[in-house]
């Protein structure tokens, strides 16, 4: 048995209003169950959308589970170059409250997102996804997690 269990998050950047209202409550229950199952490290990729929701939920859950850690796996140091003020504020809050920050690359490359996604999955036992498309980065990461034998929870399919 592993001395610590690791969970990675992967999900779409665009979330409609109905899902934005539902996801925090769903994440609340999922993160509680994972913490109670022994997960101590949560990894996210620092993107807008689901990654942000997941990171904020883990930061919130540190009040209840002070032993858990948030590790950010970021594709490059300039990933926020075109983000708006709100997204930048959330990103800075998340970075300031993360326990560890790892950059895949100094600058953007055509492979830095893929490398970030693989590094988040490698060594993890669980993957919480918000995936409703069959193509794109989230679908790739979810498929990679399944191939690596991670236990997958796709909350896009939960009602």
N, C-alpha and C. Protein backbone atom coordinates (compact mmCIF):
# COMPACT_ATOMS: atom_id res chain seq x y z
N UNK A 1 0.84 -1.18 0.00
CA UNK A 1 0.00 0.00 0.00
C UNK A 1 0.88 1.25 0.00
N UNK A 2 0.48 2.25 -0.79
CA UNK A 2 1.25 3.48 -0.89
C UNK A 2 1.20 4.24 0.44
N UNK A 3 2.28 4.95 0.74
CA UNK A 3 2.31 5.73 1.97
C UNK A 3 1.41 6.96 1.85
N UNK A 4 1.19 7.42 0.63
CA UNK A 4 0.25 8.50 0.39
C UNK A 4 -0.43 8.24 -0.95
N UNK A 5 -1.69 8.58 -1.00
CA UNK A 5 -2.42 8.47 -2.26
C UNK A 5 -2.46 9.84 -2.92
N UNK A 6 -2.39 9.82 -4.25
CA UNK A 6 -2.36 11.05 -5.04
C UNK A 6 -3.53 11.04 -6.00
N UNK A 7 -4.18 12.18 -6.12
CA UNK A 7 -5.28 12.37 -7.06
C UNK A 7 -4.94 13.54 -7.96
N UNK A 8 -5.14 13.35 -9.26
CA UNK A 8 -5.00 14.47 -10.19
C UNK A 8 -6.37 14.87 -10.71
N UNK A 9 -6.48 16.12 -11.11
CA UNK A 9 -7.71 16.65 -11.69
C UNK A 9 -7.45 17.00 -13.15
N UNK A 10 -8.45 16.77 -14.00
CA UNK A 10 -8.39 17.22 -15.38
C UNK A 10 -9.79 17.59 -15.81
N UNK A 11 -9.92 18.68 -16.55
CA UNK A 11 -11.25 19.10 -16.98
C UNK A 11 -11.21 20.22 -17.97
N UNK A 12 -12.35 20.48 -18.56
CA UNK A 12 -12.48 21.49 -19.59
C UNK A 12 -12.36 22.90 -19.02
N UNK A 13 -11.91 23.79 -19.85
CA UNK A 13 -11.80 25.20 -19.47
C UNK A 13 -13.16 25.89 -19.51
N UNK A 14 -13.98 25.54 -20.48
CA UNK A 14 -15.29 26.17 -20.63
C UNK A 14 -16.35 25.35 -19.91
N UNK A 15 -17.03 26.01 -18.98
CA UNK A 15 -18.07 25.36 -18.19
C UNK A 15 -19.30 26.26 -18.26
N UNK A 16 -20.44 25.69 -18.66
CA UNK A 16 -21.64 26.52 -18.77
C UNK A 16 -22.17 26.89 -17.38
N UNK A 17 -23.10 27.83 -17.35
CA UNK A 17 -23.59 28.39 -16.08
C UNK A 17 -24.23 27.32 -15.19
N UNK A 18 -25.01 26.42 -15.78
CA UNK A 18 -25.65 25.37 -14.98
C UNK A 18 -24.59 24.49 -14.30
N UNK A 19 -23.59 24.10 -15.05
CA UNK A 19 -22.53 23.26 -14.50
C UNK A 19 -21.69 24.02 -13.48
N UNK A 20 -21.45 25.30 -13.74
CA UNK A 20 -20.68 26.11 -12.79
C UNK A 20 -21.36 26.18 -11.43
N UNK A 21 -22.69 26.15 -11.44
CA UNK A 21 -23.44 26.16 -10.18
C UNK A 21 -23.39 24.80 -9.49
N UNK A 22 -23.35 23.72 -10.26
CA UNK A 22 -23.40 22.35 -9.73
C UNK A 22 -22.04 21.82 -9.29
N UNK A 23 -21.00 22.15 -10.02
CA UNK A 23 -19.69 21.52 -9.82
C UNK A 23 -19.08 21.71 -8.42
N UNK A 24 -19.15 22.89 -7.81
CA UNK A 24 -18.56 23.02 -6.47
C UNK A 24 -19.14 22.04 -5.45
N UNK A 25 -20.46 21.81 -5.49
CA UNK A 25 -21.07 20.85 -4.56
C UNK A 25 -20.63 19.42 -4.87
N UNK A 26 -20.57 19.09 -6.14
CA UNK A 26 -20.12 17.74 -6.52
C UNK A 26 -18.67 17.54 -6.11
N UNK A 27 -17.83 18.52 -6.40
CA UNK A 27 -16.42 18.44 -6.00
C UNK A 27 -16.28 18.32 -4.49
N UNK A 28 -17.12 19.02 -3.74
CA UNK A 28 -17.08 18.96 -2.29
C UNK A 28 -17.20 17.52 -1.80
N UNK A 29 -18.20 16.82 -2.30
CA UNK A 29 -18.41 15.43 -1.89
C UNK A 29 -17.31 14.50 -2.36
N UNK A 30 -16.85 14.69 -3.59
CA UNK A 30 -15.80 13.83 -4.14
C UNK A 30 -14.49 14.01 -3.37
N UNK A 31 -14.10 15.26 -3.10
CA UNK A 31 -12.85 15.51 -2.37
C UNK A 31 -12.96 14.97 -0.94
N UNK A 32 -14.10 15.13 -0.29
CA UNK A 32 -14.29 14.53 1.04
C UNK A 32 -14.05 13.03 1.00
N UNK A 33 -14.67 12.35 0.04
CA UNK A 33 -14.52 10.88 -0.05
C UNK A 33 -13.07 10.48 -0.31
N UNK A 34 -12.40 11.23 -1.16
CA UNK A 34 -10.99 10.92 -1.44
C UNK A 34 -10.12 11.13 -0.21
N UNK A 35 -10.35 12.21 0.52
CA UNK A 35 -9.58 12.46 1.75
C UNK A 35 -9.82 11.34 2.76
N UNK A 36 -11.06 10.92 2.87
CA UNK A 36 -11.41 9.84 3.81
C UNK A 36 -10.87 8.49 3.35
N UNK A 37 -10.53 8.38 2.05
CA UNK A 37 -9.94 7.15 1.50
C UNK A 37 -8.43 7.16 1.55
N UNK A 38 -7.83 8.24 2.07
CA UNK A 38 -6.38 8.28 2.22
C UNK A 38 -5.64 9.16 1.25
N UNK A 39 -6.34 9.87 0.37
CA UNK A 39 -5.64 10.78 -0.55
C UNK A 39 -5.10 11.95 0.26
N UNK A 40 -3.83 12.23 0.08
CA UNK A 40 -3.19 13.35 0.78
C UNK A 40 -2.63 14.41 -0.16
N UNK A 41 -2.48 14.07 -1.44
CA UNK A 41 -1.93 15.01 -2.42
C UNK A 41 -2.91 15.13 -3.58
N UNK A 42 -3.22 16.38 -3.91
CA UNK A 42 -4.08 16.67 -5.04
C UNK A 42 -3.28 17.50 -6.04
N UNK A 43 -3.35 17.08 -7.32
CA UNK A 43 -2.60 17.76 -8.38
C UNK A 43 -3.58 18.40 -9.36
N UNK A 44 -3.27 19.60 -9.77
CA UNK A 44 -4.05 20.26 -10.80
C UNK A 44 -3.12 21.04 -11.72
N UNK A 45 -3.65 21.34 -12.93
CA UNK A 45 -2.82 21.94 -13.96
C UNK A 45 -2.86 23.44 -14.08
N UNK A 46 -3.63 24.11 -13.23
CA UNK A 46 -3.60 25.57 -13.19
C UNK A 46 -4.29 26.28 -14.32
N UNK A 47 -5.14 25.59 -15.07
CA UNK A 47 -5.84 26.25 -16.18
C UNK A 47 -7.13 26.90 -15.68
N UNK A 48 -7.69 27.76 -16.52
CA UNK A 48 -9.00 28.34 -16.26
C UNK A 48 -10.04 27.23 -16.31
N UNK A 49 -11.14 27.39 -15.60
CA UNK A 49 -12.23 26.43 -15.67
C UNK A 49 -12.14 25.39 -14.57
N UNK A 50 -12.20 24.12 -14.95
CA UNK A 50 -12.26 23.05 -13.96
C UNK A 50 -11.03 23.00 -13.07
N UNK A 51 -9.85 23.22 -13.63
CA UNK A 51 -8.63 23.21 -12.80
C UNK A 51 -8.73 24.23 -11.68
N UNK A 52 -9.24 25.42 -12.01
CA UNK A 52 -9.39 26.46 -11.00
C UNK A 52 -10.39 26.05 -9.93
N UNK A 53 -11.55 25.53 -10.35
CA UNK A 53 -12.55 25.06 -9.38
C UNK A 53 -11.97 23.99 -8.45
N UNK A 54 -11.24 23.04 -9.02
CA UNK A 54 -10.67 21.94 -8.23
C UNK A 54 -9.63 22.47 -7.25
N UNK A 55 -8.76 23.34 -7.70
CA UNK A 55 -7.72 23.89 -6.81
C UNK A 55 -8.36 24.67 -5.66
N UNK A 56 -9.35 25.50 -5.97
CA UNK A 56 -10.03 26.26 -4.92
C UNK A 56 -10.72 25.34 -3.92
N UNK A 57 -11.27 24.24 -4.41
CA UNK A 57 -11.94 23.29 -3.51
C UNK A 57 -10.92 22.64 -2.58
N UNK A 58 -9.76 22.26 -3.09
CA UNK A 58 -8.73 21.65 -2.25
C UNK A 58 -8.24 22.67 -1.21
N UNK A 59 -8.04 23.90 -1.62
CA UNK A 59 -7.62 24.93 -0.65
C UNK A 59 -8.66 25.06 0.44
N UNK A 60 -9.93 25.08 0.08
CA UNK A 60 -11.02 25.15 1.06
C UNK A 60 -11.01 23.93 1.99
N UNK A 61 -10.77 22.76 1.44
CA UNK A 61 -10.80 21.51 2.23
C UNK A 61 -9.63 21.40 3.20
N UNK A 62 -8.60 22.22 3.02
CA UNK A 62 -7.47 22.20 3.97
C UNK A 62 -7.92 22.61 5.37
N UNK A 63 -9.03 23.32 5.48
CA UNK A 63 -9.57 23.68 6.80
C UNK A 63 -10.01 22.42 7.55
N UNK A 64 -10.64 21.51 6.82
CA UNK A 64 -11.15 20.27 7.40
C UNK A 64 -10.08 19.19 7.47
N UNK A 65 -9.21 19.16 6.47
CA UNK A 65 -8.14 18.16 6.37
C UNK A 65 -6.80 18.88 6.25
N UNK A 66 -6.23 19.36 7.34
CA UNK A 66 -5.01 20.18 7.27
C UNK A 66 -3.79 19.43 6.73
N UNK A 67 -3.86 18.12 6.65
CA UNK A 67 -2.72 17.33 6.18
C UNK A 67 -2.66 17.22 4.66
N UNK A 68 -3.71 17.62 3.94
CA UNK A 68 -3.69 17.46 2.49
C UNK A 68 -2.84 18.55 1.84
N UNK A 69 -2.35 18.24 0.66
CA UNK A 69 -1.46 19.14 -0.08
C UNK A 69 -2.02 19.40 -1.47
N UNK A 70 -1.77 20.61 -1.96
CA UNK A 70 -2.11 20.98 -3.33
C UNK A 70 -0.81 21.18 -4.10
N UNK A 71 -0.63 20.37 -5.13
CA UNK A 71 0.53 20.49 -6.00
C UNK A 71 0.06 20.98 -7.36
N UNK A 72 0.64 22.06 -7.83
CA UNK A 72 0.32 22.60 -9.15
C UNK A 72 1.35 22.14 -10.15
N UNK A 73 0.88 21.63 -11.27
CA UNK A 73 1.74 21.26 -12.39
C UNK A 73 1.37 22.21 -13.52
N UNK A 74 2.21 23.20 -13.75
CA UNK A 74 1.90 24.27 -14.69
C UNK A 74 2.71 24.08 -15.97
N UNK A 75 2.09 24.37 -17.12
CA UNK A 75 2.77 24.10 -18.39
C UNK A 75 3.95 25.02 -18.66
N UNK A 76 3.82 26.30 -18.28
CA UNK A 76 4.90 27.26 -18.53
C UNK A 76 4.67 28.49 -17.66
N UNK A 77 5.70 29.26 -17.49
CA UNK A 77 5.61 30.42 -16.59
C UNK A 77 4.75 31.55 -17.16
N UNK A 78 4.54 31.57 -18.46
CA UNK A 78 3.75 32.65 -19.05
C UNK A 78 2.37 32.18 -19.52
N UNK A 79 1.82 31.15 -18.91
CA UNK A 79 0.53 30.62 -19.36
C UNK A 79 -0.61 31.62 -19.19
N UNK A 80 -0.46 32.60 -18.31
CA UNK A 80 -1.53 33.55 -18.03
C UNK A 80 -1.45 34.83 -18.87
N UNK A 81 -0.59 34.85 -19.86
CA UNK A 81 -0.31 36.08 -20.63
C UNK A 81 -1.57 36.75 -21.19
N UNK A 82 -2.58 35.98 -21.55
CA UNK A 82 -3.79 36.56 -22.16
C UNK A 82 -5.02 36.45 -21.26
N UNK A 83 -4.82 36.19 -19.99
CA UNK A 83 -5.96 36.03 -19.08
C UNK A 83 -6.49 37.38 -18.61
N UNK A 84 -7.77 37.40 -18.22
CA UNK A 84 -8.36 38.64 -17.70
C UNK A 84 -8.05 38.79 -16.21
N UNK A 85 -8.46 39.92 -15.64
CA UNK A 85 -8.15 40.24 -14.25
C UNK A 85 -8.70 39.24 -13.25
N UNK A 86 -9.95 38.82 -13.43
CA UNK A 86 -10.55 37.86 -12.49
C UNK A 86 -9.78 36.55 -12.48
N UNK A 87 -9.49 36.02 -13.67
CA UNK A 87 -8.77 34.75 -13.75
C UNK A 87 -7.36 34.88 -13.19
N UNK A 88 -6.74 36.03 -13.40
CA UNK A 88 -5.40 36.26 -12.85
C UNK A 88 -5.43 36.29 -11.32
N UNK A 89 -6.45 36.93 -10.74
CA UNK A 89 -6.57 36.99 -9.28
C UNK A 89 -6.74 35.59 -8.70
N UNK A 90 -7.61 34.79 -9.32
CA UNK A 90 -7.81 33.42 -8.84
C UNK A 90 -6.52 32.62 -8.95
N UNK A 91 -5.81 32.76 -10.06
CA UNK A 91 -4.55 32.05 -10.30
C UNK A 91 -3.52 32.42 -9.24
N UNK A 92 -3.38 33.70 -8.97
CA UNK A 92 -2.40 34.15 -7.96
C UNK A 92 -2.77 33.64 -6.57
N UNK A 93 -4.05 33.64 -6.25
CA UNK A 93 -4.50 33.10 -4.97
C UNK A 93 -4.14 31.62 -4.87
N UNK A 94 -4.39 30.89 -5.93
CA UNK A 94 -4.10 29.44 -5.94
C UNK A 94 -2.60 29.20 -5.79
N UNK A 95 -1.78 29.91 -6.56
CA UNK A 95 -0.32 29.73 -6.45
C UNK A 95 0.15 30.05 -5.03
N UNK A 96 -0.38 31.11 -4.45
CA UNK A 96 0.04 31.51 -3.11
C UNK A 96 -0.40 30.52 -2.03
N UNK A 97 -1.39 29.69 -2.33
CA UNK A 97 -1.89 28.72 -1.36
C UNK A 97 -1.53 27.28 -1.71
N UNK A 98 -0.76 27.11 -2.77
CA UNK A 98 -0.31 25.76 -3.15
C UNK A 98 0.87 25.34 -2.28
N UNK A 99 1.01 24.07 -2.09
CA UNK A 99 2.13 23.53 -1.32
C UNK A 99 3.36 23.29 -2.19
N UNK A 100 3.13 23.15 -3.48
CA UNK A 100 4.24 22.90 -4.41
C UNK A 100 3.82 23.37 -5.79
N UNK A 101 4.74 23.99 -6.52
CA UNK A 101 4.49 24.45 -7.88
C UNK A 101 5.62 23.94 -8.76
N UNK A 102 5.25 23.23 -9.83
CA UNK A 102 6.21 22.69 -10.78
C UNK A 102 5.86 23.19 -12.17
N UNK A 103 6.85 23.75 -12.87
CA UNK A 103 6.64 24.20 -14.25
C UNK A 103 7.24 23.17 -15.19
N UNK A 104 6.49 22.84 -16.24
CA UNK A 104 6.98 21.91 -17.25
C UNK A 104 8.02 22.58 -18.14
N UNK A 105 7.81 23.88 -18.39
CA UNK A 105 8.68 24.61 -19.31
C UNK A 105 8.77 26.07 -18.88
N UNK A 106 9.87 26.72 -19.19
CA UNK A 106 9.99 28.15 -18.91
C UNK A 106 9.02 28.94 -19.80
N UNK A 107 9.00 28.64 -21.08
CA UNK A 107 8.17 29.31 -22.07
C UNK A 107 7.20 28.31 -22.69
N UNK A 108 6.16 28.83 -23.32
CA UNK A 108 5.19 27.97 -24.01
C UNK A 108 5.88 27.23 -25.16
N UNK A 109 5.62 25.94 -25.25
CA UNK A 109 6.02 25.13 -26.40
C UNK A 109 4.80 24.34 -26.83
N UNK A 110 4.82 23.77 -28.01
CA UNK A 110 3.65 23.03 -28.47
C UNK A 110 3.43 21.74 -27.67
N UNK A 111 4.40 21.34 -26.87
CA UNK A 111 4.28 20.11 -26.08
C UNK A 111 4.11 20.34 -24.58
N UNK A 112 4.21 21.56 -24.11
CA UNK A 112 4.24 21.77 -22.65
C UNK A 112 2.93 21.36 -21.96
N UNK A 113 1.80 21.52 -22.61
CA UNK A 113 0.52 21.11 -22.00
C UNK A 113 0.45 19.59 -21.87
N UNK A 114 0.83 18.89 -22.93
CA UNK A 114 0.84 17.43 -22.91
C UNK A 114 1.79 16.90 -21.84
N UNK A 115 2.97 17.49 -21.75
CA UNK A 115 3.93 17.06 -20.73
C UNK A 115 3.39 17.32 -19.33
N UNK A 116 2.75 18.47 -19.13
CA UNK A 116 2.15 18.79 -17.84
C UNK A 116 1.09 17.75 -17.47
N UNK A 117 0.24 17.41 -18.43
CA UNK A 117 -0.84 16.44 -18.17
C UNK A 117 -0.28 15.08 -17.78
N UNK A 118 0.73 14.62 -18.50
CA UNK A 118 1.33 13.32 -18.19
C UNK A 118 1.98 13.33 -16.80
N UNK A 119 2.65 14.40 -16.47
CA UNK A 119 3.33 14.48 -15.15
C UNK A 119 2.31 14.48 -14.01
N UNK A 120 1.15 15.11 -14.23
CA UNK A 120 0.12 15.09 -13.18
C UNK A 120 -0.40 13.67 -12.95
N UNK A 121 -0.55 12.91 -14.01
CA UNK A 121 -1.09 11.56 -13.93
C UNK A 121 -0.05 10.58 -13.37
N UNK A 122 1.19 10.69 -13.81
CA UNK A 122 2.23 9.73 -13.42
C UNK A 122 2.38 9.69 -11.90
N UNK A 123 2.26 8.50 -11.34
CA UNK A 123 2.40 8.31 -9.91
C UNK A 123 1.13 8.50 -9.11
N UNK A 124 0.06 8.94 -9.77
CA UNK A 124 -1.22 9.11 -9.07
C UNK A 124 -1.99 7.79 -9.04
N UNK A 125 -2.93 7.70 -8.12
CA UNK A 125 -3.81 6.54 -8.03
C UNK A 125 -5.24 6.86 -8.46
N UNK A 126 -5.61 8.15 -8.40
CA UNK A 126 -6.96 8.58 -8.72
C UNK A 126 -6.91 9.73 -9.72
N UNK A 127 -7.96 9.84 -10.52
CA UNK A 127 -8.12 10.96 -11.43
C UNK A 127 -9.58 11.41 -11.37
N UNK A 128 -9.78 12.66 -10.99
CA UNK A 128 -11.12 13.25 -11.02
C UNK A 128 -11.17 14.12 -12.26
N UNK A 129 -12.12 13.80 -13.13
CA UNK A 129 -12.22 14.50 -14.41
C UNK A 129 -13.58 15.18 -14.55
N UNK A 130 -13.58 16.20 -15.39
CA UNK A 130 -14.81 16.80 -15.86
C UNK A 130 -14.67 16.80 -17.38
N UNK A 131 -15.09 15.68 -17.98
CA UNK A 131 -14.85 15.46 -19.41
C UNK A 131 -16.14 15.04 -20.10
N UNK A 132 -16.61 15.87 -21.03
CA UNK A 132 -17.81 15.54 -21.80
C UNK A 132 -17.54 15.51 -23.30
N UNK A 133 -16.28 15.73 -23.70
CA UNK A 133 -15.89 15.67 -25.11
C UNK A 133 -14.98 14.46 -25.31
N UNK A 134 -14.98 13.95 -26.53
CA UNK A 134 -14.15 12.77 -26.81
C UNK A 134 -12.80 13.14 -27.42
N UNK A 135 -12.54 14.44 -27.60
CA UNK A 135 -11.24 14.86 -28.13
C UNK A 135 -10.75 16.06 -27.33
N UNK A 136 -9.49 16.40 -27.52
CA UNK A 136 -8.89 17.53 -26.82
C UNK A 136 -8.02 17.08 -25.66
N UNK A 137 -7.44 18.06 -24.97
CA UNK A 137 -6.50 17.79 -23.90
C UNK A 137 -7.09 17.04 -22.73
N UNK A 138 -8.32 17.39 -22.34
CA UNK A 138 -8.94 16.70 -21.21
C UNK A 138 -9.22 15.24 -21.55
N UNK A 139 -9.75 14.99 -22.74
CA UNK A 139 -10.02 13.61 -23.16
C UNK A 139 -8.72 12.82 -23.24
N UNK A 140 -7.65 13.45 -23.76
CA UNK A 140 -6.36 12.78 -23.81
C UNK A 140 -5.88 12.41 -22.41
N UNK A 141 -5.96 13.35 -21.48
CA UNK A 141 -5.47 13.11 -20.13
C UNK A 141 -6.29 12.03 -19.44
N UNK A 142 -7.60 12.06 -19.63
CA UNK A 142 -8.47 11.04 -19.04
C UNK A 142 -8.12 9.66 -19.59
N UNK A 143 -7.92 9.57 -20.89
CA UNK A 143 -7.54 8.31 -21.52
C UNK A 143 -6.18 7.83 -21.00
N UNK A 144 -5.24 8.74 -20.88
CA UNK A 144 -3.91 8.39 -20.36
C UNK A 144 -4.02 7.88 -18.92
N UNK A 145 -4.85 8.52 -18.12
CA UNK A 145 -5.05 8.08 -16.73
C UNK A 145 -5.62 6.67 -16.68
N UNK A 146 -6.59 6.39 -17.54
CA UNK A 146 -7.18 5.04 -17.59
C UNK A 146 -6.12 4.01 -17.99
N UNK A 147 -5.31 4.34 -18.99
CA UNK A 147 -4.26 3.43 -19.45
C UNK A 147 -3.20 3.19 -18.37
N UNK A 148 -2.99 4.16 -17.48
CA UNK A 148 -2.03 4.01 -16.39
C UNK A 148 -2.64 3.28 -15.19
N UNK A 149 -3.93 2.94 -15.28
CA UNK A 149 -4.58 2.17 -14.22
C UNK A 149 -5.14 2.99 -13.07
N UNK A 150 -5.28 4.30 -13.26
CA UNK A 150 -5.84 5.14 -12.20
C UNK A 150 -7.33 4.85 -12.04
N UNK A 151 -7.82 4.99 -10.84
CA UNK A 151 -9.26 4.93 -10.59
C UNK A 151 -9.82 6.29 -11.01
N UNK A 152 -10.76 6.27 -11.92
CA UNK A 152 -11.25 7.50 -12.54
C UNK A 152 -12.67 7.81 -12.08
N UNK A 153 -12.90 9.07 -11.74
CA UNK A 153 -14.22 9.58 -11.43
C UNK A 153 -14.47 10.72 -12.39
N UNK A 154 -15.39 10.51 -13.35
CA UNK A 154 -15.72 11.57 -14.31
C UNK A 154 -17.01 12.23 -13.84
N UNK A 155 -16.88 13.39 -13.23
CA UNK A 155 -18.07 14.03 -12.66
C UNK A 155 -18.97 14.65 -13.73
N UNK A 156 -18.52 14.71 -14.97
CA UNK A 156 -19.40 15.17 -16.05
C UNK A 156 -20.53 14.17 -16.28
N UNK A 157 -20.31 12.93 -15.90
CA UNK A 157 -21.33 11.89 -16.11
C UNK A 157 -22.17 11.66 -14.86
N UNK A 158 -21.89 12.37 -13.78
CA UNK A 158 -22.66 12.22 -12.54
C UNK A 158 -23.86 13.15 -12.61
N UNK A 159 -25.01 12.66 -12.16
CA UNK A 159 -26.21 13.52 -12.17
C UNK A 159 -26.48 14.10 -10.81
